[in-house]
Amino acid sequence: MFNKILLCTHGSAGAQKAEKYVFTNMYPNFPEAQLTVLTIVDKDWSIMSSDDWLNTSTTRTQFKDYVDEQLAREIGEDWDRIKETYPLALQAKFIKVAGGIEETIAEVADKISSDVIVLGPFYKKPKRLFSVKMAPGLADTLSNEELHPLLPCPILTVP
């Protein structure tokens, strides 16, 4: 039934539910399917600005390089967690794309001719002022109203 599965994840509690569902319930039933694991970095991260680092182009470049390196490290750690938790993940293709969340999901699904897109449920992260521990995952969330008109295939939201 499924030849190409697109799993969207960013490490949050909701995304981890989708990962678990795909690797324990879905992928084992369709072992011939091609699984792509997609992590999206919000397109706006590189244009962040504040008075602290706007002084020189060198400072901006250094800060951008630092943020890019930190994001790559966090995504790599998340992918390693997935591969360690689910041995079937070693057969999957992992990709990182910078872009708008909704547009990127639709574009990647279309590009790989995905039969289904799998997402986790929305989880509201605890406010940083009220929580000492930060919740994992990238901060941006998607808009159903923006995503659904763009979809090239069905979407499965894991409860």
N, C-alpha and C. Protein backbone atom coordinates (compact mmCIF):
# COMPACT_ATOMS: atom_id res chain seq x y z
N MET A 1 0.81 -1.20 0.00
CA MET A 1 0.00 0.00 0.00
C MET A 1 0.86 1.27 0.00
N PHE A 2 1.92 1.28 0.84
CA PHE A 2 2.80 2.44 0.88
C PHE A 2 4.14 2.09 0.25
N ASN A 3 4.53 2.87 -0.75
CA ASN A 3 5.83 2.69 -1.38
C ASN A 3 6.84 3.72 -0.89
N LYS A 4 6.33 4.92 -0.58
CA LYS A 4 7.20 6.01 -0.13
C LYS A 4 6.52 6.73 1.03
N ILE A 5 7.22 6.75 2.16
CA ILE A 5 6.69 7.36 3.38
C ILE A 5 7.58 8.54 3.75
N LEU A 6 6.95 9.66 4.07
CA LEU A 6 7.67 10.84 4.53
C LEU A 6 7.33 11.06 6.00
N LEU A 7 8.32 10.93 6.86
CA LEU A 7 8.17 11.17 8.30
C LEU A 7 8.79 12.52 8.62
N CYS A 8 7.98 13.43 9.14
CA CYS A 8 8.46 14.76 9.51
C CYS A 8 8.71 14.77 11.01
N THR A 9 9.90 15.15 11.42
CA THR A 9 10.24 15.16 12.84
C THR A 9 11.17 16.31 13.16
N HIS A 10 11.12 16.74 14.40
CA HIS A 10 12.05 17.76 14.88
C HIS A 10 12.40 17.54 16.34
N GLY A 11 12.11 16.34 16.85
CA GLY A 11 12.55 15.98 18.19
C GLY A 11 11.59 16.28 19.32
N SER A 12 10.49 16.95 19.06
CA SER A 12 9.54 17.26 20.12
C SER A 12 8.81 16.00 20.58
N ALA A 13 8.06 16.11 21.67
CA ALA A 13 7.29 14.97 22.17
C ALA A 13 6.30 14.47 21.13
N GLY A 14 5.65 15.39 20.43
CA GLY A 14 4.71 14.99 19.38
C GLY A 14 5.40 14.30 18.22
N ALA A 15 6.54 14.83 17.80
CA ALA A 15 7.30 14.23 16.71
C ALA A 15 7.79 12.84 17.09
N GLN A 16 8.17 12.66 18.34
CA GLN A 16 8.63 11.35 18.80
C GLN A 16 7.51 10.32 18.77
N LYS A 17 6.27 10.75 18.98
CA LYS A 17 5.14 9.83 18.84
C LYS A 17 5.00 9.37 17.40
N ALA A 18 5.20 10.29 16.46
CA ALA A 18 5.14 9.93 15.04
C ALA A 18 6.27 8.97 14.68
N GLU A 19 7.47 9.24 15.19
CA GLU A 19 8.60 8.35 14.95
C GLU A 19 8.29 6.93 15.44
N LYS A 20 7.79 6.86 16.67
CA LYS A 20 7.48 5.54 17.26
C LYS A 20 6.46 4.81 16.41
N TYR A 21 5.42 5.51 15.98
CA TYR A 21 4.38 4.88 15.18
C TYR A 21 4.94 4.35 13.87
N VAL A 22 5.73 5.18 13.20
CA VAL A 22 6.28 4.77 11.90
C VAL A 22 7.21 3.56 12.06
N PHE A 23 8.11 3.61 13.03
CA PHE A 23 9.12 2.56 13.16
C PHE A 23 8.63 1.29 13.86
N THR A 24 7.53 1.36 14.59
CA THR A 24 7.03 0.15 15.26
C THR A 24 5.77 -0.42 14.61
N ASN A 25 4.96 0.42 13.99
CA ASN A 25 3.69 -0.05 13.42
C ASN A 25 3.62 0.00 11.90
N MET A 26 4.16 1.04 11.32
CA MET A 26 3.97 1.26 9.89
C MET A 26 5.07 0.65 9.03
N TYR A 27 6.30 1.04 9.26
CA TYR A 27 7.42 0.60 8.44
C TYR A 27 7.62 -0.92 8.46
N PRO A 28 7.46 -1.59 9.62
CA PRO A 28 7.61 -3.05 9.61
C PRO A 28 6.58 -3.76 8.73
N ASN A 29 5.42 -3.15 8.53
CA ASN A 29 4.39 -3.74 7.68
C ASN A 29 4.61 -3.47 6.19
N PHE A 30 5.49 -2.53 5.89
CA PHE A 30 5.81 -2.19 4.50
C PHE A 30 7.32 -2.11 4.35
N PRO A 31 8.02 -3.23 4.55
CA PRO A 31 9.49 -3.20 4.55
C PRO A 31 10.10 -2.80 3.21
N GLU A 32 9.34 -2.93 2.14
CA GLU A 32 9.86 -2.54 0.82
C GLU A 32 9.73 -1.04 0.57
N ALA A 33 9.02 -0.35 1.45
CA ALA A 33 8.79 1.09 1.27
C ALA A 33 10.08 1.88 1.48
N GLN A 34 10.18 2.99 0.78
CA GLN A 34 11.28 3.92 0.98
C GLN A 34 10.84 4.94 2.02
N LEU A 35 11.59 5.05 3.11
CA LEU A 35 11.25 5.96 4.19
C LEU A 35 12.21 7.14 4.18
N THR A 36 11.66 8.33 4.17
CA THR A 36 12.46 9.55 4.26
C THR A 36 12.09 10.26 5.55
N VAL A 37 13.10 10.60 6.32
CA VAL A 37 12.90 11.33 7.58
C VAL A 37 13.32 12.78 7.31
N LEU A 38 12.38 13.68 7.48
CA LEU A 38 12.61 15.09 7.16
C LEU A 38 12.64 15.94 8.42
N THR A 39 13.69 16.75 8.54
CA THR A 39 13.76 17.77 9.57
C THR A 39 13.86 19.11 8.87
N ILE A 40 12.97 20.02 9.26
CA ILE A 40 12.93 21.34 8.62
C ILE A 40 13.45 22.39 9.58
N VAL A 41 14.38 23.19 9.10
CA VAL A 41 14.89 24.33 9.84
C VAL A 41 14.16 25.55 9.30
N ASP A 42 13.52 26.29 10.18
CA ASP A 42 12.75 27.47 9.76
C ASP A 42 13.62 28.41 8.93
N LYS A 43 13.09 28.83 7.81
CA LYS A 43 13.84 29.67 6.87
C LYS A 43 14.26 31.00 7.48
N ASP A 44 13.59 31.44 8.53
CA ASP A 44 13.87 32.76 9.09
C ASP A 44 14.99 32.78 10.12
N TRP A 45 15.54 31.61 10.47
CA TRP A 45 16.57 31.62 11.52
C TRP A 45 17.77 32.47 11.12
N SER A 46 18.11 32.49 9.84
CA SER A 46 19.32 33.17 9.41
C SER A 46 19.18 34.70 9.35
N ILE A 47 17.95 35.20 9.50
CA ILE A 47 17.78 36.65 9.47
C ILE A 47 17.44 37.20 10.86
N MET A 48 17.69 36.38 11.89
CA MET A 48 17.48 36.86 13.25
C MET A 48 18.36 38.08 13.47
N SER A 49 17.86 39.00 14.23
CA SER A 49 18.68 40.17 14.51
C SER A 49 18.42 40.66 15.93
N SER A 50 19.44 41.27 16.47
CA SER A 50 19.30 41.93 17.77
C SER A 50 20.41 42.96 17.86
N ASP A 51 20.28 43.87 18.77
CA ASP A 51 21.27 44.93 18.92
C ASP A 51 22.62 44.40 19.35
N ASP A 52 22.64 43.23 19.97
CA ASP A 52 23.89 42.68 20.49
C ASP A 52 24.90 42.35 19.40
N TRP A 53 24.45 41.94 18.24
CA TRP A 53 25.41 41.45 17.24
C TRP A 53 25.29 42.15 15.89
N LEU A 54 24.55 43.24 15.81
CA LEU A 54 24.40 43.94 14.54
C LEU A 54 25.53 44.93 14.26
N ASN A 55 26.52 44.98 15.11
CA ASN A 55 27.55 45.99 14.97
C ASN A 55 28.40 45.86 13.72
N THR A 56 28.82 44.64 13.37
CA THR A 56 29.68 44.47 12.20
C THR A 56 29.24 43.25 11.40
N SER A 57 29.62 43.24 10.14
CA SER A 57 29.29 42.08 9.30
C SER A 57 30.04 40.85 9.78
N THR A 58 31.24 41.03 10.32
CA THR A 58 32.01 39.90 10.84
C THR A 58 31.28 39.25 12.01
N THR A 59 30.75 40.07 12.91
CA THR A 59 30.01 39.54 14.06
C THR A 59 28.76 38.82 13.59
N ARG A 60 28.05 39.38 12.63
CA ARG A 60 26.85 38.71 12.10
C ARG A 60 27.20 37.37 11.48
N THR A 61 28.28 37.33 10.69
CA THR A 61 28.69 36.09 10.05
C THR A 61 29.10 35.05 11.09
N GLN A 62 29.85 35.47 12.10
CA GLN A 62 30.25 34.54 13.15
C GLN A 62 29.04 33.98 13.89
N PHE A 63 28.07 34.85 14.17
CA PHE A 63 26.87 34.40 14.88
C PHE A 63 26.07 33.43 14.01
N LYS A 64 25.91 33.76 12.74
CA LYS A 64 25.18 32.88 11.82
C LYS A 64 25.86 31.52 11.73
N ASP A 65 27.19 31.51 11.62
CA ASP A 65 27.94 30.25 11.57
C ASP A 65 27.74 29.46 12.85
N TYR A 66 27.75 30.15 13.99
CA TYR A 66 27.55 29.48 15.27
C TYR A 66 26.16 28.83 15.34
N VAL A 67 25.13 29.57 14.95
CA VAL A 67 23.77 29.05 14.99
C VAL A 67 23.63 27.87 14.02
N ASP A 68 24.20 27.99 12.84
CA ASP A 68 24.13 26.90 11.86
C ASP A 68 24.81 25.65 12.40
N GLU A 69 25.97 25.81 13.03
CA GLU A 69 26.68 24.68 13.62
C GLU A 69 25.88 24.06 14.77
N GLN A 70 25.28 24.89 15.60
CA GLN A 70 24.48 24.39 16.72
C GLN A 70 23.26 23.63 16.21
N LEU A 71 22.57 24.16 15.20
CA LEU A 71 21.41 23.45 14.63
C LEU A 71 21.83 22.11 14.04
N ALA A 72 22.93 22.09 13.32
CA ALA A 72 23.41 20.84 12.73
C ALA A 72 23.74 19.82 13.81
N ARG A 73 24.34 20.27 14.91
CA ARG A 73 24.68 19.37 16.01
C ARG A 73 23.41 18.80 16.66
N GLU A 74 22.43 19.68 16.92
CA GLU A 74 21.19 19.23 17.55
C GLU A 74 20.41 18.27 16.65
N ILE A 75 20.36 18.56 15.37
CA ILE A 75 19.66 17.67 14.43
C ILE A 75 20.40 16.35 14.33
N GLY A 76 21.72 16.39 14.27
CA GLY A 76 22.51 15.15 14.23
C GLY A 76 22.28 14.29 15.46
N GLU A 77 22.22 14.92 16.62
CA GLU A 77 21.95 14.18 17.86
C GLU A 77 20.56 13.56 17.83
N ASP A 78 19.60 14.30 17.29
CA ASP A 78 18.23 13.78 17.20
C ASP A 78 18.18 12.59 16.25
N TRP A 79 18.86 12.70 15.10
CA TRP A 79 18.89 11.58 14.16
C TRP A 79 19.60 10.37 14.76
N ASP A 80 20.66 10.62 15.52
CA ASP A 80 21.35 9.51 16.19
C ASP A 80 20.43 8.83 17.19
N ARG A 81 19.64 9.62 17.94
CA ARG A 81 18.68 9.05 18.88
C ARG A 81 17.69 8.14 18.16
N ILE A 82 17.19 8.59 17.01
CA ILE A 82 16.23 7.80 16.24
C ILE A 82 16.88 6.49 15.79
N LYS A 83 18.10 6.56 15.26
CA LYS A 83 18.80 5.37 14.76
C LYS A 83 19.12 4.38 15.88
N GLU A 84 19.43 4.90 17.07
CA GLU A 84 19.72 4.03 18.20
C GLU A 84 18.44 3.39 18.75
N THR A 85 17.35 4.14 18.74
CA THR A 85 16.08 3.64 19.28
C THR A 85 15.42 2.65 18.33
N TYR A 86 15.49 2.92 17.03
CA TYR A 86 14.80 2.10 16.04
C TYR A 86 15.80 1.61 15.00
N PRO A 87 16.25 0.36 15.10
CA PRO A 87 17.23 -0.16 14.14
C PRO A 87 16.78 -0.04 12.68
N LEU A 88 15.46 -0.09 12.44
CA LEU A 88 14.97 0.06 11.06
C LEU A 88 15.31 1.43 10.47
N ALA A 89 15.59 2.38 11.33
CA ALA A 89 15.92 3.73 10.86
C ALA A 89 17.21 3.76 10.05
N LEU A 90 18.04 2.77 10.22
CA LEU A 90 19.28 2.72 9.45
C LEU A 90 19.02 2.57 7.95
N GLN A 91 17.82 2.09 7.59
CA GLN A 91 17.45 1.94 6.19
C GLN A 91 16.82 3.21 5.61
N ALA A 92 16.50 4.16 6.48
CA ALA A 92 15.82 5.38 6.05
C ALA A 92 16.81 6.41 5.52
N LYS A 93 16.29 7.32 4.73
CA LYS A 93 17.06 8.45 4.23
C LYS A 93 16.72 9.65 5.11
N PHE A 94 17.72 10.32 5.66
CA PHE A 94 17.52 11.48 6.53
C PHE A 94 17.90 12.74 5.76
N ILE A 95 16.99 13.72 5.76
CA ILE A 95 17.31 14.98 5.09
C ILE A 95 16.93 16.16 5.97
N LYS A 96 17.72 17.23 5.84
CA LYS A 96 17.46 18.49 6.54
C LYS A 96 17.27 19.55 5.46
N VAL A 97 16.19 20.32 5.59
CA VAL A 97 15.89 21.36 4.61
C VAL A 97 15.55 22.64 5.35
N ALA A 98 16.08 23.76 4.89
CA ALA A 98 15.71 25.06 5.43
C ALA A 98 14.60 25.63 4.56
N GLY A 99 13.53 26.05 5.20
CA GLY A 99 12.43 26.62 4.44
C GLY A 99 11.21 26.82 5.31
N GLY A 100 10.14 27.27 4.68
CA GLY A 100 8.88 27.39 5.39
C GLY A 100 8.35 25.99 5.70
N ILE A 101 7.78 25.81 6.86
CA ILE A 101 7.37 24.49 7.30
C ILE A 101 6.37 23.86 6.33
N GLU A 102 5.28 24.53 6.08
CA GLU A 102 4.22 23.97 5.22
C GLU A 102 4.71 23.75 3.80
N GLU A 103 5.37 24.75 3.24
CA GLU A 103 5.84 24.66 1.85
C GLU A 103 6.86 23.54 1.70
N THR A 104 7.75 23.42 2.67
CA THR A 104 8.81 22.42 2.57
C THR A 104 8.26 21.00 2.67
N ILE A 105 7.31 20.78 3.59
CA ILE A 105 6.68 19.46 3.69
C ILE A 105 6.06 19.08 2.35
N ALA A 106 5.29 19.99 1.78
CA ALA A 106 4.61 19.72 0.51
C ALA A 106 5.61 19.51 -0.62
N GLU A 107 6.65 20.34 -0.69
CA GLU A 107 7.64 20.23 -1.76
C GLU A 107 8.41 18.91 -1.69
N VAL A 108 8.84 18.54 -0.48
CA VAL A 108 9.60 17.30 -0.34
C VAL A 108 8.71 16.10 -0.64
N ALA A 109 7.47 16.12 -0.14
CA ALA A 109 6.53 15.02 -0.41
C ALA A 109 6.31 14.87 -1.91
N ASP A 110 6.16 15.98 -2.60
CA ASP A 110 5.97 15.94 -4.05
C ASP A 110 7.23 15.46 -4.76
N LYS A 111 8.37 15.94 -4.33
CA LYS A 111 9.64 15.59 -4.97
C LYS A 111 9.94 14.09 -4.86
N ILE A 112 9.63 13.49 -3.71
CA ILE A 112 9.92 12.06 -3.55
C ILE A 112 8.73 11.19 -3.92
N SER A 113 7.64 11.80 -4.40
CA SER A 113 6.41 11.09 -4.76
C SER A 113 5.88 10.27 -3.58
N SER A 114 5.81 10.93 -2.44
CA SER A 114 5.37 10.27 -1.21
C SER A 114 3.91 9.82 -1.30
N ASP A 115 3.65 8.64 -0.73
CA ASP A 115 2.28 8.13 -0.65
C ASP A 115 1.56 8.65 0.59
N VAL A 116 2.33 8.99 1.62
CA VAL A 116 1.76 9.47 2.88
C VAL A 116 2.81 10.30 3.61
N ILE A 117 2.32 11.33 4.31
CA ILE A 117 3.15 12.17 5.16
C ILE A 117 2.72 11.86 6.59
N VAL A 118 3.68 11.60 7.46
CA VAL A 118 3.36 11.29 8.85
C VAL A 118 3.90 12.40 9.75
N LEU A 119 3.01 12.94 10.57
CA LEU A 119 3.34 14.01 11.52
C LEU A 119 2.89 13.62 12.91
N GLY A 120 3.50 14.20 13.91
CA GLY A 120 3.04 14.01 15.28
C GLY A 120 2.00 15.05 15.62
N PRO A 121 1.35 14.88 16.78
CA PRO A 121 0.34 15.86 17.20
C PRO A 121 0.99 17.13 17.71
N PHE A 122 0.21 18.18 17.77
CA PHE A 122 0.68 19.45 18.31
C PHE A 122 0.84 19.31 19.82
N TYR A 123 1.98 19.71 20.31
CA TYR A 123 2.23 19.76 21.74
C TYR A 123 2.66 21.16 22.09
N LYS A 124 2.00 21.74 23.05
CA LYS A 124 2.40 23.07 23.49
C LYS A 124 3.59 22.93 24.43
N LYS A 125 4.68 23.59 24.08
CA LYS A 125 5.87 23.53 24.92
C LYS A 125 5.64 24.37 26.17
N PRO A 126 6.25 23.96 27.30
CA PRO A 126 6.13 24.77 28.50
C PRO A 126 6.83 26.12 28.29
N LYS A 127 6.26 27.14 28.87
CA LYS A 127 6.87 28.47 28.76
C LYS A 127 8.21 28.46 29.49
N ARG A 128 9.19 29.10 28.88
CA ARG A 128 10.54 29.09 29.46
C ARG A 128 10.58 29.77 30.83
N LEU A 129 9.71 30.75 31.06
CA LEU A 129 9.71 31.43 32.34
C LEU A 129 9.23 30.52 33.47
N PHE A 130 8.41 29.52 33.13
CA PHE A 130 7.81 28.66 34.14
C PHE A 130 8.44 27.27 34.17
N SER A 131 9.41 27.01 33.34
CA SER A 131 10.02 25.68 33.27
C SER A 131 11.53 25.82 33.22
N VAL A 132 12.20 25.12 34.11
CA VAL A 132 13.66 25.14 34.13
C VAL A 132 14.21 24.33 32.98
N LYS A 133 13.54 23.23 32.64
CA LYS A 133 14.01 22.34 31.59
C LYS A 133 13.36 22.74 30.25
N MET A 134 14.19 22.87 29.23
CA MET A 134 13.66 23.19 27.91
C MET A 134 13.16 21.91 27.24
N ALA A 135 12.05 22.01 26.54
CA ALA A 135 11.52 20.87 25.79
C ALA A 135 12.33 20.72 24.51
N PRO A 136 12.58 19.47 24.07
CA PRO A 136 13.33 19.28 22.83
C PRO A 136 12.51 19.67 21.61
N GLY A 137 13.20 19.90 20.51
CA GLY A 137 12.52 20.18 19.25
C GLY A 137 12.69 21.61 18.80
N LEU A 138 12.61 21.80 17.50
CA LEU A 138 12.70 23.13 16.94
C LEU A 138 11.40 23.87 17.25
N ALA A 139 11.47 25.18 17.34
CA ALA A 139 10.36 25.95 17.90
C ALA A 139 9.18 26.17 16.95
N ASP A 140 9.39 26.19 15.67
CA ASP A 140 8.32 26.55 14.76
C ASP A 140 7.27 25.44 14.67
N THR A 141 6.03 25.85 14.52
CA THR A 141 4.93 24.90 14.34
C THR A 141 4.25 25.20 13.02
N LEU A 142 3.52 24.22 12.52
CA LEU A 142 2.88 24.43 11.23
C LEU A 142 1.43 24.88 11.39
N SER A 143 0.90 25.40 10.33
CA SER A 143 -0.48 25.84 10.28
C SER A 143 -1.25 24.88 9.37
N ASN A 144 -2.26 24.22 9.93
CA ASN A 144 -3.07 23.31 9.13
C ASN A 144 -3.73 24.04 7.95
N GLU A 145 -4.16 25.25 8.17
CA GLU A 145 -4.83 26.02 7.12
C GLU A 145 -3.90 26.28 5.94
N GLU A 146 -2.62 26.46 6.22
CA GLU A 146 -1.65 26.69 5.15
C GLU A 146 -1.17 25.39 4.53
N LEU A 147 -1.06 24.33 5.34
CA LEU A 147 -0.52 23.06 4.85
C LEU A 147 -1.48 22.31 3.95
N HIS A 148 -2.71 22.14 4.36
CA HIS A 148 -3.63 21.25 3.65
C HIS A 148 -3.85 21.57 2.18
N PRO A 149 -3.97 22.83 1.78
CA PRO A 149 -4.13 23.09 0.34
C PRO A 149 -2.90 22.72 -0.50
N LEU A 150 -1.73 22.61 0.14
CA LEU A 150 -0.50 22.32 -0.58
C LEU A 150 -0.19 20.83 -0.71
N LEU A 151 -0.88 20.01 0.05
CA LEU A 151 -0.53 18.58 0.15
C LEU A 151 -0.69 17.82 -1.17
N PRO A 152 0.37 17.09 -1.58
CA PRO A 152 0.28 16.27 -2.78
C PRO A 152 -0.17 14.84 -2.48
N CYS A 153 -0.35 14.51 -1.19
CA CYS A 153 -0.74 13.15 -0.80
C CYS A 153 -1.42 13.22 0.56
N PRO A 154 -1.99 12.12 1.02
CA PRO A 154 -2.64 12.11 2.34
C PRO A 154 -1.65 12.37 3.47
N ILE A 155 -2.18 12.86 4.55
CA ILE A 155 -1.37 13.13 5.74
C ILE A 155 -1.92 12.29 6.89
N LEU A 156 -1.03 11.72 7.69
CA LEU A 156 -1.40 10.95 8.86
C LEU A 156 -0.84 11.65 10.07
N THR A 157 -1.72 12.12 10.96
CA THR A 157 -1.29 12.74 12.19
C THR A 157 -1.44 11.71 13.29
N VAL A 158 -0.34 11.34 13.89
CA VAL A 158 -0.34 10.31 14.94
C VAL A 158 -0.82 10.95 16.24
N PRO A 159 -1.86 10.38 16.86
CA PRO A 159 -2.38 10.98 18.11
C PRO A 159 -1.43 10.76 19.29
